[in-house]
């Protein structure tokens, strides 16, 4: 791979691909619009960033449960290896999102910062030869990415230029092509897969297709892993960009459909809690309290004190009252007591 071999727009003008593109834009637009109907869409960012981190890490065989993951984030206890890896990914995702929102572009230093956060090292771009991709089962070499540090650096510079090219290519198709190029350059010693999946999200934000980093292809890739790796290699060998782009567009469509379903159920659950808390506990209800209960499945007294700017006795009264009425469940982890929005945790696990 001496240079980026991107498809000509004319080669992508097939009826099947344009049907997939139309549907992907339709459902992604519906998802973006639905996000804007929430009272405060930002309350989803931290919660769903961790869900994405879990799904993306699962592709690398880093497995944890939603319950362990969310509990570990609030307990203050040492994280297990899997939980640490997931947290590093979430940190990298949010760091990249803030940079792209601030700068309006996706620069190479941003990509480097994401990888450094995900892997907790500062190795930067590959400089030494010897990296090959092997079949996990047989050990057979299936792909050899660029070997020299000069080639890797030059190709990444070309890739960043391509991300921002003004050539009329649809942004979803550009995201698909960029993802393939990134994985083929394989620019880092470690963390290429997770960094590449974060880059997908940042491109959607950069191009205005998302307002928040809460749309993720990792679950789709994980469920279709065999097709993903097959098409990556087939496109390298045969330059069959149509099949690759159709695969990614189907992922956008299917992911958007799932996320629309999630948001509809999330909104209904939040609405139910709002009406029932106002009816049963009118003296403690506030929109800020409701937002806290739906920004994260786990909470505790200290969190409520800080976010609502209330005293410890008041925060304790609020959470104990909510638990007594069945809105929250109690759990003791170590010496600390936590309150769990179990319906929200169940909804996240189901989607």
C-alpha atoms as a PDB file:
ATOM      1  CA  UNK A   1       0.000   0.000   0.000  1.00  0.00           C
ATOM      2  CA  UNK A   2       2.014   2.941  -1.280  1.00  0.00           C
ATOM      3  CA  UNK A   3      -0.832   5.422  -1.554  1.00  0.00           C
ATOM      4  CA  UNK A   4      -4.496   5.725  -0.714  1.00  0.00           C
ATOM      5  CA  UNK A   5      -6.481   3.909  -3.382  1.00  0.00           C
ATOM      6  CA  UNK A   6      -9.867   5.556  -2.944  1.00  0.00           C
ATOM      7  CA  UNK A   7     -12.829   4.745  -5.196  1.00  0.00           C
ATOM      8  CA  UNK A   8     -14.001   7.117  -7.894  1.00  0.00           C
ATOM      9  CA  UNK A   9     -17.456   8.482  -7.168  1.00  0.00           C
ATOM     10  CA  UNK A  10     -18.655   7.131 -10.520  1.00  0.00           C
ATOM     11  CA  UNK A  11     -17.822   3.550  -9.461  1.00  0.00           C
ATOM     12  CA  UNK A  12     -20.155   3.867  -6.465  1.00  0.00           C
ATOM     13  CA  UNK A  13     -23.209   4.857  -8.481  1.00  0.00           C
ATOM     14  CA  UNK A  14     -25.042   1.539  -8.394  1.00  0.00           C
ATOM     15  CA  UNK A  15     -28.766   1.191  -7.643  1.00  0.00           C
ATOM     16  CA  UNK A  16     -28.213  -1.162  -4.695  1.00  0.00           C
ATOM     17  CA  UNK A  17     -25.673   1.124  -3.039  1.00  0.00           C
ATOM     18  CA  UNK A  18     -27.771   4.236  -3.499  1.00  0.00           C
ATOM     19  CA  UNK A  19     -30.792   2.448  -1.998  1.00  0.00           C
ATOM     20  CA  UNK A  20     -28.680   1.585   1.040  1.00  0.00           C
ATOM     21  CA  UNK A  21     -27.388   5.155   1.195  1.00  0.00           C
ATOM     22  CA  UNK A  22     -30.917   6.598   1.056  1.00  0.00           C
ATOM     23  CA  UNK A  23     -32.107   4.332   3.882  1.00  0.00           C
ATOM     24  CA  UNK A  24     -29.025   5.004   6.012  1.00  0.00           C
ATOM     25  CA  UNK A  25     -29.541   8.777   5.770  1.00  0.00           C
ATOM     26  CA  UNK A  26     -33.255   8.427   6.453  1.00  0.00           C
ATOM     27  CA  UNK A  27     -32.875   6.484   9.689  1.00  0.00           C
ATOM     28  CA  UNK A  28     -29.811   8.374  10.869  1.00  0.00           C
ATOM     29  CA  UNK A  29     -31.706  11.642  10.341  1.00  0.00           C
ATOM     30  CA  UNK A  30     -34.680  10.258  12.272  1.00  0.00           C
ATOM     31  CA  UNK A  31     -32.375   9.254  15.104  1.00  0.00           C
ATOM     32  CA  UNK A  32     -30.738  12.686  15.225  1.00  0.00           C
ATOM     33  CA  UNK A  33     -34.147  14.363  15.280  1.00  0.00           C
ATOM     34  CA  UNK A  34     -35.397  12.096  18.063  1.00  0.00           C
ATOM     35  CA  UNK A  35     -32.342  12.998  20.167  1.00  0.00           C
ATOM     36  CA  UNK A  36     -33.344  16.652  19.883  1.00  0.00           C
ATOM     37  CA  UNK A  37     -36.758  15.929  21.434  1.00  0.00           C
ATOM     38  CA  UNK A  38     -35.228  14.842  24.740  1.00  0.00           C
ATOM     39  CA  UNK A  39     -35.373  17.423  27.564  1.00  0.00           C
ATOM     40  CA  UNK A  40     -31.560  17.314  27.790  1.00  0.00           C
ATOM     41  CA  UNK A  41     -29.857  15.047  25.241  1.00  0.00           C
ATOM     42  CA  UNK A  42     -26.493  15.548  26.972  1.00  0.00           C
ATOM     43  CA  UNK A  43     -27.626  13.333  29.836  1.00  0.00           C
ATOM     44  CA  UNK A  44     -27.163  10.347  27.509  1.00  0.00           C
ATOM     45  CA  UNK A  45     -23.549  11.008  26.592  1.00  0.00           C
ATOM     46  CA  UNK A  46     -21.691   9.480  29.533  1.00  0.00           C
ATOM     47  CA  UNK A  47     -24.116   6.603  29.916  1.00  0.00           C
ATOM     48  CA  UNK A  48     -24.074   5.561  26.245  1.00  0.00           C
ATOM     49  CA  UNK A  49     -20.359   6.232  25.798  1.00  0.00           C
ATOM     50  CA  UNK A  50     -19.737   3.441  28.278  1.00  0.00           C
ATOM     51  CA  UNK A  51     -22.167   1.171  26.451  1.00  0.00           C
ATOM     52  CA  UNK A  52     -20.283   1.814  23.204  1.00  0.00           C
ATOM     53  CA  UNK A  53     -16.972   1.233  24.972  1.00  0.00           C
ATOM     54  CA  UNK A  54     -18.242  -2.142  26.149  1.00  0.00           C
ATOM     55  CA  UNK A  55     -19.424  -3.156  22.660  1.00  0.00           C
ATOM     56  CA  UNK A  56     -16.260  -1.948  20.934  1.00  0.00           C
ATOM     57  CA  UNK A  57     -14.018  -3.658  23.456  1.00  0.00           C
ATOM     58  CA  UNK A  58     -15.960  -6.899  22.984  1.00  0.00           C
ATOM     59  CA  UNK A  59     -14.708  -6.975  19.374  1.00  0.00           C
ATOM     60  CA  UNK A  60     -11.215  -7.231  20.879  1.00  0.00           C
ATOM     61  CA  UNK A  61     -12.439 -10.021  23.229  1.00  0.00           C
ATOM     62  CA  UNK A  62     -12.481  -7.689  26.241  1.00  0.00           C
ATOM     63  CA  UNK A  63     -15.650  -8.773  28.003  1.00  0.00           C
ATOM     64  CA  UNK A  64     -17.520  -7.226  30.916  1.00  0.00           C
ATOM     65  CA  UNK A  65     -21.167  -6.909  31.889  1.00  0.00           C
ATOM     66  CA  UNK A  66     -23.201  -3.726  31.938  1.00  0.00           C
ATOM     67  CA  UNK A  67     -23.851  -4.168  35.647  1.00  0.00           C
ATOM     68  CA  UNK A  68     -20.171  -4.630  36.525  1.00  0.00           C
ATOM     69  CA  UNK A  69     -19.212  -1.783  34.227  1.00  0.00           C
ATOM     70  CA  UNK A  70     -21.588   0.833  35.642  1.00  0.00           C
ATOM     71  CA  UNK A  71     -21.042  -0.299  39.218  1.00  0.00           C
ATOM     72  CA  UNK A  72     -17.280  -0.008  38.809  1.00  0.00           C
ATOM     73  CA  UNK A  73     -17.566   3.581  37.587  1.00  0.00           C
ATOM     74  CA  UNK A  74     -19.269   4.835  40.739  1.00  0.00           C
ATOM     75  CA  UNK A  75     -17.763   2.603  43.426  1.00  0.00           C
ATOM     76  CA  UNK A  76     -14.297   4.176  43.455  1.00  0.00           C
ATOM     77  CA  UNK A  77     -12.835   0.697  43.917  1.00  0.00           C
ATOM     78  CA  UNK A  78      -9.969  -0.581  41.725  1.00  0.00           C
ATOM     79  CA  UNK A  79     -11.206  -1.525  38.276  1.00  0.00           C
ATOM     80  CA  UNK A  80     -10.719  -4.981  36.803  1.00  0.00           C
ATOM     81  CA  UNK A  81      -8.677  -5.317  33.618  1.00  0.00           C
ATOM     82  CA  UNK A  82     -11.764  -5.417  31.367  1.00  0.00           C
ATOM     83  CA  UNK A  83     -13.379  -2.451  33.112  1.00  0.00           C
ATOM     84  CA  UNK A  84     -10.150  -0.447  32.777  1.00  0.00           C
ATOM     85  CA  UNK A  85      -9.948  -1.149  29.049  1.00  0.00           C
ATOM     86  CA  UNK A  86     -13.565  -0.096  28.586  1.00  0.00           C
ATOM     87  CA  UNK A  87     -13.046   3.088  30.601  1.00  0.00           C
ATOM     88  CA  UNK A  88      -9.962   3.985  28.546  1.00  0.00           C
ATOM     89  CA  UNK A  89     -12.028   3.607  25.370  1.00  0.00           C
ATOM     90  CA  UNK A  90     -14.819   5.809  26.728  1.00  0.00           C
ATOM     91  CA  UNK A  91     -12.262   8.429  27.743  1.00  0.00           C
ATOM     92  CA  UNK A  92     -10.738   8.367  24.250  1.00  0.00           C
ATOM     93  CA  UNK A  93     -14.153   8.699  22.624  1.00  0.00           C
ATOM     94  CA  UNK A  94     -15.116  11.720  24.712  1.00  0.00           C
ATOM     95  CA  UNK A  95     -11.703  13.349  24.279  1.00  0.00           C
ATOM     96  CA  UNK A  96     -11.965  13.005  20.497  1.00  0.00           C
ATOM     97  CA  UNK A  97     -15.523  14.317  20.494  1.00  0.00           C
ATOM     98  CA  UNK A  98     -14.569  17.428  22.447  1.00  0.00           C
ATOM     99  CA  UNK A  99     -11.668  18.123  20.076  1.00  0.00           C
ATOM    100  CA  UNK A 100     -13.793  17.775  16.941  1.00  0.00           C
ATOM    101  CA  UNK A 101     -16.575  19.921  18.386  1.00  0.00           C
ATOM    102  CA  UNK A 102     -14.043  22.576  19.376  1.00  0.00           C
ATOM    103  CA  UNK A 103     -12.034  22.602  16.135  1.00  0.00           C
ATOM    104  CA  UNK A 104     -14.628  21.548  13.550  1.00  0.00           C
ATOM    105  CA  UNK A 105     -12.107  19.209  11.928  1.00  0.00           C
ATOM    106  CA  UNK A 106     -10.441  15.897  12.716  1.00  0.00           C
ATOM    107  CA  UNK A 107      -6.689  16.429  12.785  1.00  0.00           C
ATOM    108  CA  UNK A 108      -3.908  13.857  13.105  1.00  0.00           C
ATOM    109  CA  UNK A 109      -3.025  15.063  16.641  1.00  0.00           C
ATOM    110  CA  UNK A 110      -6.630  14.270  17.632  1.00  0.00           C
ATOM    111  CA  UNK A 111      -6.321  10.726  16.285  1.00  0.00           C
ATOM    112  CA  UNK A 112      -2.990  10.326  18.077  1.00  0.00           C
ATOM    113  CA  UNK A 113      -4.514  11.589  21.338  1.00  0.00           C
ATOM    114  CA  UNK A 114      -7.402   9.118  21.035  1.00  0.00           C
ATOM    115  CA  UNK A 115      -5.055   6.154  20.540  1.00  0.00           C
ATOM    116  CA  UNK A 116      -2.850   7.311  23.402  1.00  0.00           C
ATOM    117  CA  UNK A 117      -5.873   7.496  25.703  1.00  0.00           C
ATOM    118  CA  UNK A 118      -7.271   4.142  24.594  1.00  0.00           C
ATOM    119  CA  UNK A 119      -3.957   2.305  24.971  1.00  0.00           C
ATOM    120  CA  UNK A 120      -2.393   4.420  27.724  1.00  0.00           C
ATOM    121  CA  UNK A 121       0.888   4.804  25.854  1.00  0.00           C
ATOM    122  CA  UNK A 122       2.620   7.422  23.755  1.00  0.00           C
ATOM    123  CA  UNK A 123       4.113   5.149  21.122  1.00  0.00           C
ATOM    124  CA  UNK A 124       2.540   7.199  18.331  1.00  0.00           C
ATOM    125  CA  UNK A 125       2.558   6.027  14.711  1.00  0.00           C
ATOM    126  CA  UNK A 126       4.348   2.781  13.853  1.00  0.00           C
ATOM    127  CA  UNK A 127       7.994   3.353  12.984  1.00  0.00           C
ATOM    128  CA  UNK A 128       9.399  -0.187  12.953  1.00  0.00           C
ATOM    129  CA  UNK A 129       8.659  -2.995  10.457  1.00  0.00           C
ATOM    130  CA  UNK A 130       7.316  -6.382  11.437  1.00  0.00           C
ATOM    131  CA  UNK A 131       3.577  -5.778  11.919  1.00  0.00           C
ATOM    132  CA  UNK A 132       1.354  -8.338  10.163  1.00  0.00           C
ATOM    133  CA  UNK A 133      -2.269  -9.371  10.626  1.00  0.00           C
ATOM    134  CA  UNK A 134      -2.790 -13.083  11.210  1.00  0.00           C
ATOM    135  CA  UNK A 135      -5.677 -15.489  11.319  1.00  0.00           C
ATOM    136  CA  UNK A 136      -6.329 -15.986  15.041  1.00  0.00           C
ATOM    137  CA  UNK A 137      -7.032 -19.684  14.549  1.00  0.00           C
ATOM    138  CA  UNK A 138      -4.382 -20.783  12.051  1.00  0.00           C
ATOM    139  CA  UNK A 139      -1.668 -18.164  12.508  1.00  0.00           C
ATOM    140  CA  UNK A 140      -1.618 -17.587   8.754  1.00  0.00           C
ATOM    141  CA  UNK A 141      -0.618 -14.084   7.624  1.00  0.00           C
ATOM    142  CA  UNK A 142      -3.643 -12.598   5.897  1.00  0.00           C
ATOM    143  CA  UNK A 143      -2.469  -9.009   5.430  1.00  0.00           C
ATOM    144  CA  UNK A 144       0.739  -7.027   5.692  1.00  0.00           C
ATOM    145  CA  UNK A 145       0.155  -3.303   6.250  1.00  0.00           C
ATOM    146  CA  UNK A 146       2.703  -0.659   5.226  1.00  0.00           C
ATOM    147  CA  UNK A 147       5.982  -1.413   6.992  1.00  0.00           C
ATOM    148  CA  UNK A 148       8.129   1.706   6.946  1.00  0.00           C
ATOM    149  CA  UNK A 149       7.525   4.543   9.353  1.00  0.00           C
ATOM    150  CA  UNK A 150       7.792   7.015   6.476  1.00  0.00           C
ATOM    151  CA  UNK A 151       4.998   5.273   4.586  1.00  0.00           C
ATOM    152  CA  UNK A 152       2.745   5.147   7.639  1.00  0.00           C
ATOM    153  CA  UNK A 153       3.263   8.847   8.371  1.00  0.00           C
ATOM    154  CA  UNK A 154       2.689   9.859   4.751  1.00  0.00           C
ATOM    155  CA  UNK A 155      -0.430   7.710   4.378  1.00  0.00           C
ATOM    156  CA  UNK A 156      -1.935   9.085   7.583  1.00  0.00           C
ATOM    157  CA  UNK A 157      -1.327  12.603   6.318  1.00  0.00           C
ATOM    158  CA  UNK A 158      -3.075  11.665   3.071  1.00  0.00           C
ATOM    159  CA  UNK A 159      -5.929  10.113   5.056  1.00  0.00           C
ATOM    160  CA  UNK A 160      -6.522  13.275   7.084  1.00  0.00           C
ATOM    161  CA  UNK A 161      -6.559  15.252   3.827  1.00  0.00           C
ATOM    162  CA  UNK A 162      -9.084  12.804   2.383  1.00  0.00           C
ATOM    163  CA  UNK A 163     -11.314  13.122   5.463  1.00  0.00           C
ATOM    164  CA  UNK A 164     -11.659  16.839   4.715  1.00  0.00           C
ATOM    165  CA  UNK A 165     -11.649  16.675   0.897  1.00  0.00           C
ATOM    166  CA  UNK A 166     -14.290  18.765  -0.882  1.00  0.00           C
ATOM    167  CA  UNK A 167     -14.958  16.386  -3.775  1.00  0.00           C
ATOM    168  CA  UNK A 168     -18.707  15.843  -3.541  1.00  0.00           C
ATOM    169  CA  UNK A 169     -18.542  12.375  -1.967  1.00  0.00           C
ATOM    170  CA  UNK A 170     -21.431  11.662   0.410  1.00  0.00           C
ATOM    171  CA  UNK A 171     -20.197  11.825   4.039  1.00  0.00           C
ATOM    172  CA  UNK A 172     -21.459   8.316   4.877  1.00  0.00           C
ATOM    173  CA  UNK A 173     -19.570   6.881   1.915  1.00  0.00           C
ATOM    174  CA  UNK A 174     -16.503   8.869   2.941  1.00  0.00           C
ATOM    175  CA  UNK A 175     -16.753   7.429   6.456  1.00  0.00           C
ATOM    176  CA  UNK A 176     -16.889   3.907   4.990  1.00  0.00           C
ATOM    177  CA  UNK A 177     -13.851   4.508   2.771  1.00  0.00           C
ATOM    178  CA  UNK A 178     -11.871   6.212   5.544  1.00  0.00           C
ATOM    179  CA  UNK A 179     -12.564   3.350   7.939  1.00  0.00           C
ATOM    180  CA  UNK A 180     -11.208   0.856   5.411  1.00  0.00           C
ATOM    181  CA  UNK A 181      -8.127   2.983   4.726  1.00  0.00           C
ATOM    182  CA  UNK A 182      -7.443   3.445   8.434  1.00  0.00           C
ATOM    183  CA  UNK A 183      -7.659  -0.264   9.195  1.00  0.00           C
ATOM    184  CA  UNK A 184      -5.469  -1.048   6.158  1.00  0.00           C
ATOM    185  CA  UNK A 185      -2.797   1.482   7.107  1.00  0.00           C
ATOM    186  CA  UNK A 186      -2.922   0.008  10.626  1.00  0.00           C
ATOM    187  CA  UNK A 187      -1.003   3.046  11.872  1.00  0.00           C
ATOM    188  CA  UNK A 188      -0.440   2.024  15.493  1.00  0.00           C
ATOM    189  CA  UNK A 189       1.214  -0.873  17.255  1.00  0.00           C
ATOM    190  CA  UNK A 190      -1.967  -1.345  19.325  1.00  0.00           C
ATOM    191  CA  UNK A 191      -5.464   0.126  19.451  1.00  0.00           C
ATOM    192  CA  UNK A 192      -6.132   0.371  15.716  1.00  0.00           C
ATOM    193  CA  UNK A 193      -9.579  -1.222  15.851  1.00  0.00           C
ATOM    194  CA  UNK A 194     -10.927   0.858  18.703  1.00  0.00           C
ATOM    195  CA  UNK A 195      -9.358   4.087  17.432  1.00  0.00           C
ATOM    196  CA  UNK A 196     -10.815   3.435  13.977  1.00  0.00           C
ATOM    197  CA  UNK A 197     -14.294   2.906  15.390  1.00  0.00           C
ATOM    198  CA  UNK A 198     -14.049   6.160  17.353  1.00  0.00           C
ATOM    199  CA  UNK A 199     -12.988   7.908  14.139  1.00  0.00           C
ATOM    200  CA  UNK A 200     -16.267   6.772  12.532  1.00  0.00           C
ATOM    201  CA  UNK A 201     -18.220   8.629  15.204  1.00  0.00           C
ATOM    202  CA  UNK A 202     -16.094  11.763  14.945  1.00  0.00           C
ATOM    203  CA  UNK A 203     -16.629  11.947  11.192  1.00  0.00           C
ATOM    204  CA  UNK A 204     -20.401  11.822  11.673  1.00  0.00           C
ATOM    205  CA  UNK A 205     -20.132  14.663  14.199  1.00  0.00           C
ATOM    206  CA  UNK A 206     -17.785  16.678  11.957  1.00  0.00           C
ATOM    207  CA  UNK A 207     -20.191  16.382   9.022  1.00  0.00           C
ATOM    208  CA  UNK A 208     -23.237  17.389  11.070  1.00  0.00           C
ATOM    209  CA  UNK A 209     -24.934  13.990  10.874  1.00  0.00           C
ATOM    210  CA  UNK A 210     -24.765  13.690  14.668  1.00  0.00           C
ATOM    211  CA  UNK A 211     -24.872  16.320  17.393  1.00  0.00           C
ATOM    212  CA  UNK A 212     -23.648  14.013  20.147  1.00  0.00           C
ATOM    213  CA  UNK A 213     -21.366  10.948  20.213  1.00  0.00           C
ATOM    214  CA  UNK A 214     -24.187   8.500  20.884  1.00  0.00           C
ATOM    215  CA  UNK A 215     -24.392   6.503  17.661  1.00  0.00           C
ATOM    216  CA  UNK A 216     -22.139   3.483  17.420  1.00  0.00           C
ATOM    217  CA  UNK A 217     -21.427   0.790  14.833  1.00  0.00           C
ATOM    218  CA  UNK A 218     -19.466  -1.439  17.204  1.00  0.00           C
ATOM    219  CA  UNK A 219     -22.377  -3.706  18.057  1.00  0.00           C
ATOM    220  CA  UNK A 220     -23.170  -4.229  14.359  1.00  0.00           C
ATOM    221  CA  UNK A 221     -19.526  -5.019  13.591  1.00  0.00           C
ATOM    222  CA  UNK A 222     -19.345  -7.396  16.536  1.00  0.00           C
ATOM    223  CA  UNK A 223     -22.466  -9.262  15.382  1.00  0.00           C
ATOM    224  CA  UNK A 224     -21.209  -9.445  11.784  1.00  0.00           C
ATOM    225  CA  UNK A 225     -17.518  -9.881  12.537  1.00  0.00           C
ATOM    226  CA  UNK A 226     -16.957 -12.560   9.904  1.00  0.00           C
ATOM    227  CA  UNK A 227     -18.422 -10.361   7.138  1.00  0.00           C
ATOM    228  CA  UNK A 228     -16.467  -7.366   8.419  1.00  0.00           C
ATOM    229  CA  UNK A 229     -13.062  -9.018   8.173  1.00  0.00           C
ATOM    230  CA  UNK A 230     -13.914 -10.808   4.936  1.00  0.00           C
ATOM    231  CA  UNK A 231     -14.964  -7.574   3.230  1.00  0.00           C
ATOM    232  CA  UNK A 232     -11.968  -5.670   4.570  1.00  0.00           C
ATOM    233  CA  UNK A 233      -9.675  -8.174   2.871  1.00  0.00           C
ATOM    234  CA  UNK A 234     -11.788  -8.593  -0.255  1.00  0.00           C
ATOM    235  CA  UNK A 235     -11.743  -4.854  -0.831  1.00  0.00           C
ATOM    236  CA  UNK A 236      -7.969  -4.789  -0.447  1.00  0.00           C
ATOM    237  CA  UNK A 237      -7.571  -7.551  -3.012  1.00  0.00           C
ATOM    238  CA  UNK A 238     -10.367  -6.811  -5.484  1.00  0.00           C
ATOM    239  CA  UNK A 239     -11.076  -3.106  -4.903  1.00  0.00           C
ATOM    240  CA  UNK A 240     -14.767  -4.002  -4.532  1.00  0.00           C
ATOM    241  CA  UNK A 241     -15.729  -0.776  -2.828  1.00  0.00           C
ATOM    242  CA  UNK A 242     -19.444  -1.219  -3.538  1.00  0.00           C
ATOM    243  CA  UNK A 243     -19.750  -4.341  -1.387  1.00  0.00           C
ATOM    244  CA  UNK A 244     -17.758  -2.733   1.433  1.00  0.00           C
ATOM    245  CA  UNK A 245     -19.763   0.506   1.373  1.00  0.00           C
ATOM    246  CA  UNK A 246     -23.063  -1.380   1.252  1.00  0.00           C
ATOM    247  CA  UNK A 247     -21.981  -3.335   4.337  1.00  0.00           C
ATOM    248  CA  UNK A 248     -21.192  -0.140   6.270  1.00  0.00           C
ATOM    249  CA  UNK A 249     -24.396   1.577   5.115  1.00  0.00           C
ATOM    250  CA  UNK A 250     -26.462  -1.406   6.243  1.00  0.00           C
ATOM    251  CA  UNK A 251     -24.729  -1.045   9.587  1.00  0.00           C
ATOM    252  CA  UNK A 252     -25.699   2.619   9.780  1.00  0.00           C
ATOM    253  CA  UNK A 253     -29.313   1.803   8.924  1.00  0.00           C
ATOM    254  CA  UNK A 254     -29.643  -1.139  11.325  1.00  0.00           C
ATOM    255  CA  UNK A 255     -27.864   0.700  14.131  1.00  0.00           C
ATOM    256  CA  UNK A 256     -30.066   3.762  13.661  1.00  0.00           C
ATOM    257  CA  UNK A 257     -33.199   1.600  13.776  1.00  0.00           C
ATOM    258  CA  UNK A 258     -32.052   0.002  17.040  1.00  0.00           C
ATOM    259  CA  UNK A 259     -31.119   3.357  18.537  1.00  0.00           C
ATOM    260  CA  UNK A 260     -34.468   4.860  17.545  1.00  0.00           C
ATOM    261  CA  UNK A 261     -36.187   1.999  19.372  1.00  0.00           C
ATOM    262  CA  UNK A 262     -33.934   2.570  22.390  1.00  0.00           C
ATOM    263  CA  UNK A 263     -34.608   6.312  22.484  1.00  0.00           C
ATOM    264  CA  UNK A 264     -38.361   5.834  22.182  1.00  0.00           C
ATOM    265  CA  UNK A 265     -38.356   3.416  25.128  1.00  0.00           C
ATOM    266  CA  UNK A 266     -35.962   5.643  27.064  1.00  0.00           C
ATOM    267  CA  UNK A 267     -38.208   8.652  26.543  1.00  0.00           C
ATOM    268  CA  UNK A 268     -41.314   6.698  27.593  1.00  0.00           C
ATOM    269  CA  UNK A 269     -39.578   5.386  30.716  1.00  0.00           C
ATOM    270  CA  UNK A 270     -38.418   8.873  31.624  1.00  0.00           C
ATOM    271  CA  UNK A 271     -41.928  10.238  31.052  1.00  0.00           C
ATOM    272  CA  UNK A 272     -43.416   7.529  33.281  1.00  0.00           C
ATOM    273  CA  UNK A 273     -40.970   8.288  36.086  1.00  0.00           C
ATOM    274  CA  UNK A 274     -41.700  11.997  35.735  1.00  0.00           C
ATOM    275  CA  UNK A 275     -45.471  11.567  36.116  1.00  0.00           C
ATOM    276  CA  UNK A 276     -45.269   8.989  38.899  1.00  0.00           C
ATOM    277  CA  UNK A 277     -42.659  10.838  40.969  1.00  0.00           C
ATOM    278  CA  UNK A 278     -44.597  14.094  40.615  1.00  0.00           C
ATOM    279  CA  UNK A 279     -47.746  12.296  41.749  1.00  0.00           C
ATOM    280  CA  UNK A 280     -46.286  10.190  44.555  1.00  0.00           C
ATOM    281  CA  UNK A 281     -43.408  12.389  45.764  1.00  0.00           C
ATOM    282  CA  UNK A 282     -44.327  15.947  44.737  1.00  0.00           C
ATOM    283  CA  UNK A 283     -42.160  17.581  47.407  1.00  0.00           C
ATOM    284  CA  UNK A 284     -38.917  16.159  46.031  1.00  0.00           C
ATOM    285  CA  UNK A 285     -39.608  16.171  42.286  1.00  0.00           C
ATOM    286  CA  UNK A 286     -37.562  18.388  39.982  1.00  0.00           C
ATOM    287  CA  UNK A 287     -36.373  18.117  36.394  1.00  0.00           C
ATOM    288  CA  UNK A 288     -32.770  18.161  37.635  1.00  0.00           C
ATOM    289  CA  UNK A 289     -33.481  15.174  39.862  1.00  0.00           C
ATOM    290  CA  UNK A 290     -35.103  13.312  36.976  1.00  0.00           C
ATOM    291  CA  UNK A 291     -32.137  14.089  34.724  1.00  0.00           C
ATOM    292  CA  UNK A 292     -29.755  12.654  37.343  1.00  0.00           C
ATOM    293  CA  UNK A 293     -31.760   9.433  37.546  1.00  0.00           C
ATOM    294  CA  UNK A 294     -31.601   9.019  33.760  1.00  0.00           C
ATOM    295  CA  UNK A 295     -28.033  10.110  33.073  1.00  0.00           C
ATOM    296  CA  UNK A 296     -26.568   7.018  34.718  1.00  0.00           C
ATOM    297  CA  UNK A 297     -28.100   3.802  36.070  1.00  0.00           C
ATOM    298  CA  UNK A 298     -26.189   4.066  39.370  1.00  0.00           C
ATOM    299  CA  UNK A 299     -26.155   7.027  41.734  1.00  0.00           C
ATOM    300  CA  UNK A 300     -25.329   7.783  45.340  1.00  0.00           C
ATOM    301  CA  UNK A 301     -25.841  10.487  47.927  1.00  0.00           C
ATOM    302  CA  UNK A 302     -22.615  12.357  47.124  1.00  0.00           C
ATOM    303  CA  UNK A 303     -23.551  12.619  43.438  1.00  0.00           C
ATOM    304  CA  UNK A 304     -26.975  14.034  44.241  1.00  0.00           C
ATOM    305  CA  UNK A 305     -25.502  16.550  46.696  1.00  0.00           C
ATOM    306  CA  UNK A 306     -23.076  17.842  44.068  1.00  0.00           C
ATOM    307  CA  UNK A 307     -25.388  17.946  41.062  1.00  0.00           C
ATOM    308  CA  UNK A 308     -28.477  19.323  42.784  1.00  0.00           C
ATOM    309  CA  UNK A 309     -26.490  21.484  45.245  1.00  0.00           C
ATOM    310  CA  UNK A 310     -28.369  20.124  48.243  1.00  0.00           C
ATOM    311  CA  UNK A 311     -27.344  18.999  51.737  1.00  0.00           C
ATOM    312  CA  UNK A 312     -26.516  15.415  52.660  1.00  0.00           C
ATOM    313  CA  UNK A 313     -29.703  14.972  54.732  1.00  0.00           C
ATOM    314  CA  UNK A 314     -31.791  16.239  51.805  1.00  0.00           C
ATOM    315  CA  UNK A 315     -30.006  14.018  49.270  1.00  0.00           C
ATOM    316  CA  UNK A 316     -30.397  11.042  51.591  1.00  0.00           C
ATOM    317  CA  UNK A 317     -34.097  11.753  51.999  1.00  0.00           C
ATOM    318  CA  UNK A 318     -34.594  11.993  48.227  1.00  0.00           C
ATOM    319  CA  UNK A 319     -32.898   8.701  47.400  1.00  0.00           C
ATOM    320  CA  UNK A 320     -34.390   6.775  50.297  1.00  0.00           C
ATOM    321  CA  UNK A 321     -37.863   8.032  49.372  1.00  0.00           C
ATOM    322  CA  UNK A 322     -37.371   7.022  45.739  1.00  0.00           C
ATOM    323  CA  UNK A 323     -36.183   3.572  46.821  1.00  0.00           C
ATOM    324  CA  UNK A 324     -39.082   3.132  49.256  1.00  0.00           C
ATOM    325  CA  UNK A 325     -41.540   3.897  46.434  1.00  0.00           C
ATOM    326  CA  UNK A 326     -39.850   1.422  44.077  1.00  0.00           C
ATOM    327  CA  UNK A 327     -38.267   3.891  41.659  1.00  0.00           C
ATOM    328  CA  UNK A 328     -34.753   2.840  42.672  1.00  0.00           C
ATOM    329  CA  UNK A 329     -33.245  -0.276  44.193  1.00  0.00           C
ATOM    330  CA  UNK A 330     -30.556  -0.276  46.859  1.00  0.00           C
ATOM    331  CA  UNK A 331     -27.171  -1.983  46.701  1.00  0.00           C
ATOM    332  CA  UNK A 332     -24.193  -1.934  49.047  1.00  0.00           C
ATOM    333  CA  UNK A 333     -20.757  -2.137  47.428  1.00  0.00           C
ATOM    334  CA  UNK A 334     -18.014  -2.163  50.020  1.00  0.00           C
ATOM    335  CA  UNK A 335     -18.903   0.488  52.552  1.00  0.00           C
ATOM    336  CA  UNK A 336     -20.965   2.583  50.161  1.00  0.00           C
ATOM    337  CA  UNK A 337     -24.662   2.482  49.414  1.00  0.00           C
ATOM    338  CA  UNK A 338     -25.818   2.909  45.814  1.00  0.00           C
ATOM    339  CA  UNK A 339     -29.207   3.475  44.264  1.00  0.00           C
ATOM    340  CA  UNK A 340     -29.935   1.861  40.916  1.00  0.00           C
ATOM    341  CA  UNK A 341     -32.423   2.797  38.221  1.00  0.00           C
ATOM    342  CA  UNK A 342     -32.974  -0.861  37.343  1.00  0.00           C
ATOM    343  CA  UNK A 343     -35.410  -0.281  34.452  1.00  0.00           C
ATOM    344  CA  UNK A 344     -32.824   2.004  32.810  1.00  0.00           C
ATOM    345  CA  UNK A 345     -30.060  -0.545  33.343  1.00  0.00           C
ATOM    346  CA  UNK A 346     -32.272  -3.275  31.861  1.00  0.00           C
ATOM    347  CA  UNK A 347     -33.110  -1.086  28.851  1.00  0.00           C
ATOM    348  CA  UNK A 348     -29.425  -0.424  28.148  1.00  0.00           C
ATOM    349  CA  UNK A 349     -28.629  -4.141  28.420  1.00  0.00           C
ATOM    350  CA  UNK A 350     -31.424  -5.050  25.990  1.00  0.00           C
ATOM    351  CA  UNK A 351     -30.131  -2.644  23.324  1.00  0.00           C
END
